[in-house]
Protein backbone atom coordinates (compact mmCIF):
# COMPACT_ATOMS: atom_id res chain seq x y z
CA MET A 1 -155.78 44.41 -69.88
CA LEU A 2 -156.88 40.82 -69.39
CA VAL A 3 -156.70 39.69 -65.75
CA ALA A 4 -157.02 36.17 -64.34
CA ILE A 5 -157.60 35.46 -60.65
CA HIS A 6 -157.17 32.12 -58.91
CA GLN A 7 -156.41 30.56 -55.54
CA PRO A 8 -152.85 29.22 -55.17
CA GLU A 9 -153.30 25.51 -55.82
CA PHE A 10 -150.66 22.82 -55.38
CA LEU A 11 -149.08 21.88 -58.73
CA PRO A 12 -152.48 22.23 -60.44
CA TRP A 13 -153.81 21.04 -63.78
CA ALA A 14 -153.02 22.48 -67.19
CA GLY A 15 -156.13 24.67 -67.34
CA LEU A 16 -154.82 27.05 -64.68
CA PHE A 17 -151.60 27.56 -66.62
CA GLU A 18 -153.57 28.24 -69.80
CA LYS A 19 -155.25 31.10 -67.93
CA MET A 20 -151.90 32.31 -66.69
CA SER A 21 -150.37 32.18 -70.18
CA ARG A 22 -153.15 34.26 -71.76
CA ALA A 23 -153.61 36.83 -69.01
CA ASP A 24 -151.66 40.07 -68.82
CA LEU A 25 -151.81 39.90 -65.03
CA PHE A 26 -152.35 36.86 -62.82
CA VAL A 27 -153.72 37.62 -59.35
CA VAL A 28 -153.03 35.01 -56.69
CA LEU A 29 -156.14 34.86 -54.50
CA ASP A 30 -154.25 34.05 -51.33
CA ASP A 31 -156.44 35.58 -48.61
CA VAL A 32 -159.73 33.74 -49.17
CA GLN A 33 -160.89 30.84 -46.99
CA PHE A 34 -158.91 27.63 -47.24
CA SER A 35 -160.77 24.56 -48.47
CA LYS A 36 -159.17 21.38 -47.10
CA ASN A 37 -158.60 18.42 -49.42
CA ASP A 38 -159.50 20.49 -52.42
CA TYR A 39 -156.78 21.26 -54.93
CA GLN A 40 -155.21 23.81 -52.61
CA ASN A 41 -153.25 21.12 -50.79
CA ARG A 42 -153.31 18.19 -53.19
CA THR A 43 -152.94 17.19 -56.83
CA ARG A 44 -153.15 14.05 -58.96
CA VAL A 45 -150.41 12.24 -60.87
CA LYS A 46 -150.46 9.05 -62.92
CA GLY A 47 -148.63 5.88 -61.94
CA GLN A 48 -148.76 2.18 -62.73
CA ALA A 49 -152.13 1.82 -60.97
CA GLY A 50 -153.61 4.92 -62.59
CA ALA A 51 -154.30 8.36 -61.13
CA GLN A 52 -153.30 8.91 -57.50
CA TRP A 53 -153.25 11.81 -55.06
CA LEU A 54 -150.28 13.72 -53.73
CA THR A 55 -151.47 15.48 -50.57
CA VAL A 56 -149.66 18.10 -48.53
CA PRO A 57 -150.64 17.67 -44.84
CA VAL A 58 -151.77 20.91 -43.24
CA ALA A 59 -152.70 22.35 -39.85
CA HIS A 60 -155.49 24.88 -40.07
CA LYS A 61 -158.43 26.41 -38.26
CA ALA A 62 -161.99 26.75 -39.53
CA GLY A 63 -162.39 29.80 -41.71
CA GLN A 64 -158.64 30.41 -41.92
CA PRO A 65 -157.37 32.11 -45.10
CA ILE A 66 -155.05 30.19 -47.37
CA ASN A 67 -152.04 32.39 -46.64
CA GLU A 68 -152.21 31.53 -42.92
CA VAL A 69 -152.48 27.74 -43.31
CA GLU A 70 -149.39 25.90 -42.06
CA VAL A 71 -147.76 22.84 -43.59
CA SER A 72 -147.73 19.96 -41.13
CA GLY A 73 -144.45 18.07 -40.78
CA ASP A 74 -141.78 17.18 -43.33
CA ALA A 75 -142.19 13.46 -44.08
CA TRP A 76 -144.51 14.20 -47.02
CA ARG A 77 -141.70 15.84 -49.01
CA ALA A 78 -139.65 12.64 -49.40
CA LYS A 79 -142.82 10.63 -50.00
CA HIS A 80 -143.97 12.99 -52.78
CA TRP A 81 -140.61 12.95 -54.51
CA LYS A 82 -140.39 9.15 -54.32
CA THR A 83 -143.85 8.96 -55.91
CA LEU A 84 -142.90 11.35 -58.71
CA VAL A 85 -139.79 9.31 -59.47
CA SER A 86 -141.83 6.11 -59.48
CA CYS A 87 -144.44 7.61 -61.80
CA TYR A 88 -142.25 9.56 -64.20
CA ALA A 89 -138.63 8.37 -64.15
CA ARG A 90 -139.20 6.77 -67.57
CA ALA A 91 -141.01 9.79 -69.02
CA PRO A 92 -139.19 11.40 -71.99
CA HIS A 93 -138.48 14.72 -70.27
CA PHE A 94 -138.22 13.73 -66.61
CA ARG A 95 -134.46 14.28 -66.40
CA GLU A 96 -134.86 17.72 -67.93
CA TYR A 97 -137.12 19.04 -65.16
CA ALA A 98 -136.38 16.69 -62.25
CA PRO A 99 -133.58 18.73 -60.62
CA ALA A 100 -135.78 21.82 -60.17
CA PHE A 101 -138.66 19.82 -58.69
CA GLU A 102 -136.33 17.82 -56.48
CA GLU A 103 -134.92 21.10 -55.15
CA LEU A 104 -138.46 22.32 -54.43
CA TYR A 105 -139.10 19.21 -52.36
CA SER A 106 -135.76 19.48 -50.58
CA ARG A 107 -136.75 22.77 -48.94
CA PRO A 108 -138.73 22.96 -45.68
CA TRP A 109 -142.05 24.81 -46.00
CA ALA A 110 -143.87 26.54 -43.16
CA ARG A 111 -146.89 27.97 -45.02
CA LEU A 112 -148.95 26.26 -47.70
CA ALA A 113 -149.36 29.41 -49.79
CA GLU A 114 -145.59 29.90 -49.93
CA LEU A 115 -145.14 26.33 -51.17
CA ASN A 116 -147.92 26.63 -53.73
CA VAL A 117 -146.69 29.94 -55.13
CA ALA A 118 -143.13 28.58 -55.43
CA ALA A 119 -144.48 25.50 -57.23
CA LEU A 120 -146.64 27.65 -59.52
CA ASP A 121 -143.67 29.83 -60.36
CA LEU A 122 -141.47 26.80 -61.06
CA ALA A 123 -144.00 25.23 -63.39
CA ALA A 124 -144.74 28.55 -65.11
CA ARG A 125 -141.05 29.11 -65.82
CA ALA A 126 -140.72 25.54 -67.14
CA LEU A 127 -143.58 26.34 -69.52
CA GLY A 128 -141.93 29.58 -70.60
CA ILE A 129 -144.68 31.72 -69.07
CA GLU A 130 -143.42 35.11 -67.96
CA LYS A 131 -146.22 37.12 -66.44
CA LYS A 132 -146.69 39.83 -63.88
CA TRP A 133 -148.18 38.52 -60.64
CA ALA A 134 -150.12 40.26 -57.90
CA PHE A 135 -151.51 38.99 -54.58
CA SER A 136 -155.01 39.71 -53.36
CA SER A 137 -153.71 40.02 -49.80
CA GLY A 138 -151.74 43.06 -50.89
CA LEU A 139 -154.60 44.67 -52.79
CA LYS A 140 -157.02 44.93 -49.84
CA ALA A 141 -159.95 44.88 -52.27
CA GLY A 142 -162.64 43.59 -49.92
CA GLY A 143 -165.97 42.02 -50.84
CA ARG A 144 -167.20 38.47 -51.37
CA LYS A 145 -167.52 36.22 -54.41
CA SER A 146 -168.47 38.32 -57.44
CA GLY A 147 -167.93 41.56 -55.53
CA LEU A 148 -164.42 40.53 -54.51
CA VAL A 149 -163.48 39.60 -58.08
CA LEU A 150 -164.84 42.88 -59.41
CA ASN A 151 -163.06 44.91 -56.73
CA ILE A 152 -159.76 43.20 -57.54
CA CYS A 153 -160.24 43.84 -61.25
CA GLU A 154 -160.87 47.52 -60.58
CA ARG A 155 -157.89 47.78 -58.24
CA VAL A 156 -155.48 46.47 -60.90
CA GLY A 157 -157.03 48.36 -63.82
CA ALA A 158 -158.49 45.38 -65.67
CA THR A 159 -160.55 45.94 -68.80
CA ARG A 160 -161.29 42.23 -69.20
CA TYR A 161 -161.61 39.42 -66.65
CA TYR A 162 -160.62 35.88 -67.71
CA SER A 163 -162.98 33.60 -65.80
CA GLY A 164 -163.20 29.85 -65.55
CA ARG A 165 -166.47 28.30 -66.71
CA THR A 166 -167.61 27.35 -63.22
CA GLY A 167 -166.57 30.66 -61.68
CA SER A 168 -168.41 32.64 -64.33
CA THR A 169 -171.77 31.31 -63.10
CA TYR A 170 -171.70 33.39 -59.88
CA LEU A 171 -170.45 36.65 -61.43
CA ASP A 172 -172.81 39.61 -61.47
CA ARG A 173 -172.57 40.45 -65.15
CA ASP A 174 -174.54 43.67 -64.79
CA GLU A 175 -172.09 44.97 -62.19
CA PHE A 176 -169.14 44.09 -64.41
CA ALA A 177 -170.80 45.79 -67.37
CA ARG A 178 -171.41 48.96 -65.34
CA ALA A 179 -167.73 48.92 -64.35
CA GLY A 180 -166.72 48.60 -68.01
CA ILE A 181 -165.05 45.24 -67.51
CA GLU A 182 -165.70 42.50 -70.06
CA ILE A 183 -166.03 38.92 -68.80
CA VAL A 184 -164.10 36.46 -70.97
CA VAL A 185 -165.00 32.83 -70.16
CA GLN A 186 -162.26 30.26 -70.52
CA GLU A 187 -163.03 27.64 -73.15
CA PHE A 188 -160.14 25.31 -72.39
CA LYS A 189 -160.17 21.90 -74.02
CA HIS A 190 -157.67 19.62 -72.33
CA PRO A 191 -155.04 18.54 -74.86
CA THR A 192 -154.25 14.86 -75.13
CA TYR A 193 -150.72 13.50 -75.37
CA GLU A 194 -148.79 10.29 -74.80
CA GLN A 195 -148.90 9.24 -71.15
CA LEU A 196 -147.12 6.40 -69.36
CA PHE A 197 -148.94 3.33 -68.00
CA MET A 198 -152.41 1.87 -68.61
CA LYS A 199 -152.64 3.24 -72.13
CA GLU A 200 -155.48 0.88 -72.92
CA ALA A 201 -157.65 2.77 -70.42
CA GLY A 202 -157.30 5.98 -72.40
CA PHE A 203 -156.00 9.45 -71.64
CA VAL A 204 -156.40 10.75 -68.08
CA ALA A 205 -157.21 14.48 -68.02
CA GLY A 206 -156.98 16.89 -65.11
CA LEU A 207 -153.67 15.68 -63.72
CA SER A 208 -150.97 17.91 -62.28
CA ILE A 209 -149.05 20.03 -64.78
CA VAL A 210 -146.02 17.83 -64.03
CA ASP A 211 -147.64 15.05 -66.04
CA MET A 212 -147.57 17.23 -69.16
CA LEU A 213 -144.12 18.62 -68.48
CA PHE A 214 -142.48 15.25 -67.87
CA ASN A 215 -144.18 13.65 -70.87
CA CYS A 216 -144.15 16.52 -73.39
CA GLY A 217 -141.29 18.79 -72.37
CA PRO A 218 -140.84 22.05 -74.30
CA SER A 219 -143.90 21.38 -76.45
CA SER A 220 -146.15 21.72 -73.37
CA ARG A 221 -146.61 25.48 -73.86
CA GLU A 222 -147.85 24.96 -77.41
CA LEU A 223 -150.24 22.27 -76.24
CA LEU A 224 -151.71 24.65 -73.65
CA THR A 225 -152.47 27.42 -76.10
CA ARG A 226 -153.50 25.37 -79.13
CA GLN A 227 -157.23 26.10 -78.79
């Protein structure tokens, strides 16, 4: 069984969904320390002036786990949606997916993790990804860094762990080998496609998955897995 593990990020880039699409089980790492102004509470989209941030304001304490971080206020929801309309209203598949995303933004959110998981689920379903999910907070695996990942893998019965390239550098490969768990390193090459605005500047990689969905529609899943 191939298992992927990742923090719940806010409408993240395509690479996370490639991991989700290939894994047999996707573990949401929701009880590790929150990192402010990382991708846990913000993402990038492309508008007339190029790439720009969409940030979810949060109230948090130092060392607080992601699943305890609170969303601060409601004004950001209308601002985000207005930005998405401005950036993608003319995209080929905007109308196809807009109602679901507008509904997401219409709901009040108390906790960041709840928002992020709902957004991940929405995007995954739009991509046609149907996977079993688990949450690290419910597994009570314990440990730090490589030890935590290994403990989670053992708890869920993984035989292979699907790691990102950066994350693979801190894994204790000997420990994984002794546990009989193979480390599979993601070799994701970001697909290029037709984007709106500033085409002369070239393709902008690493944007939110909404950029791919609004521009490519149903072919997005194929783009993700065409490696």
